[in-house]
Amino acid sequence: MGIITPRRLGNAVQRNRMKRIFREIFRKNAAGLPPADIVVLPKPSCLERDIRELERLFVRAVQRAAGEEEKLEQRNDQTD
């Protein structure tokens, strides 16, 4: 997992806090997530959300992305 925190996210304290939060979210949920390369680019609105909500959104986004990838692979297999 990679985390990108641009300066527009906030000052150094806020950027480092977001990194710590997303690392912790990933650590807690890694076993239940599908295998994938993940790049996180938090938006400034993430600073206003609590950790539980960020965790719920993160897990849902990763699962949704993995599901879309599986559908794409199935479509490619059917056309071959």
Protein backbone atom coordinates (compact mmCIF):
# COMPACT_ATOMS: atom_id res chain seq x y z
CA MET A 1 0.00 0.00 0.00
CA GLY A 2 1.22 3.46 -0.88
CA ILE A 3 -0.03 6.69 0.63
CA ILE A 4 0.30 10.01 -1.18
CA THR A 5 -0.32 13.14 0.88
CA PRO A 6 0.03 16.32 -1.18
CA ARG A 7 0.59 19.69 0.48
CA ARG A 8 -2.94 20.79 -0.32
CA LEU A 9 -4.10 18.22 2.24
CA GLY A 10 -2.79 20.42 5.05
CA ASN A 11 0.32 21.08 7.06
CA ALA A 12 2.90 18.42 7.92
CA VAL A 13 1.10 17.42 11.11
CA GLN A 14 -2.17 16.80 9.25
CA ARG A 15 -0.46 14.92 6.41
CA ASN A 16 1.42 12.66 8.82
CA ARG A 17 -1.78 12.04 10.80
CA MET A 18 -3.54 10.87 7.63
CA LYS A 19 -0.65 8.54 6.86
CA ARG A 20 -0.78 7.04 10.35
CA ILE A 21 -4.56 6.62 10.17
CA PHE A 22 -4.51 4.85 6.81
CA ARG A 23 -1.60 2.61 7.83
CA GLU A 24 -3.55 1.58 10.93
CA ILE A 25 -6.73 0.99 8.90
CA PHE A 26 -4.77 -1.18 6.48
CA ARG A 27 -3.05 -3.10 9.29
CA LYS A 28 -6.37 -3.87 11.00
CA ASN A 29 -8.11 -4.99 7.79
CA ALA A 30 -5.29 -6.53 5.72
CA ALA A 31 -6.40 -10.10 6.33
CA GLY A 32 -9.91 -9.43 5.03
CA LEU A 33 -8.94 -7.40 1.98
CA PRO A 34 -8.50 -8.94 -1.46
CA PRO A 35 -4.92 -9.08 -2.76
CA ALA A 36 -4.26 -5.86 -4.61
CA ASP A 37 -1.84 -2.99 -4.98
CA ILE A 38 -3.39 -0.04 -3.19
CA VAL A 39 -2.55 3.64 -3.53
CA VAL A 40 -4.33 6.02 -1.15
CA LEU A 41 -4.69 9.71 -2.03
CA PRO A 42 -6.72 11.31 0.77
CA LYS A 43 -8.72 14.43 -0.01
CA PRO A 44 -8.90 17.39 2.38
CA SER A 45 -12.41 16.28 3.40
CA CYS A 46 -10.80 13.22 5.07
CA LEU A 47 -9.51 15.53 7.80
CA GLU A 48 -13.10 16.17 8.89
CA ARG A 49 -14.11 12.50 9.15
CA ASP A 50 -13.60 10.20 12.11
CA ILE A 51 -11.43 7.11 11.90
CA ARG A 52 -14.32 4.62 11.91
CA GLU A 53 -15.92 6.31 8.93
CA LEU A 54 -12.61 6.42 7.05
CA GLU A 55 -12.12 2.73 7.77
CA ARG A 56 -15.57 1.84 6.47
CA LEU A 57 -15.04 3.88 3.29
CA PHE A 58 -11.56 2.46 2.72
CA VAL A 59 -12.62 -1.17 3.04
CA ARG A 60 -15.65 -0.64 0.82
CA ALA A 61 -13.56 1.12 -1.86
CA VAL A 62 -10.93 -1.63 -1.94
CA GLN A 63 -13.54 -4.37 -2.12
CA ARG A 64 -15.45 -2.52 -4.83
CA ALA A 65 -12.26 -2.00 -6.85
CA ALA A 66 -11.35 -5.68 -6.52
CA GLY A 67 -14.86 -6.68 -7.58
CA GLU A 68 -14.67 -4.48 -10.65
CA GLU A 69 -11.30 -5.97 -11.51
CA GLU A 70 -12.73 -9.49 -11.26
CA LYS A 71 -15.64 -8.54 -13.52
CA LEU A 72 -13.22 -7.10 -16.08
CA GLU A 73 -11.13 -10.29 -16.02
CA GLN A 74 -14.27 -12.40 -16.48
CA ARG A 75 -15.32 -10.28 -19.48
CA ASN A 76 -11.84 -10.64 -21.01
CA ASP A 77 -11.94 -14.41 -20.50
CA GLN A 78 -15.34 -14.64 -22.19
CA THR A 79 -14.19 -12.70 -25.26
CA ASP A 80 -11.08 -14.86 -25.77
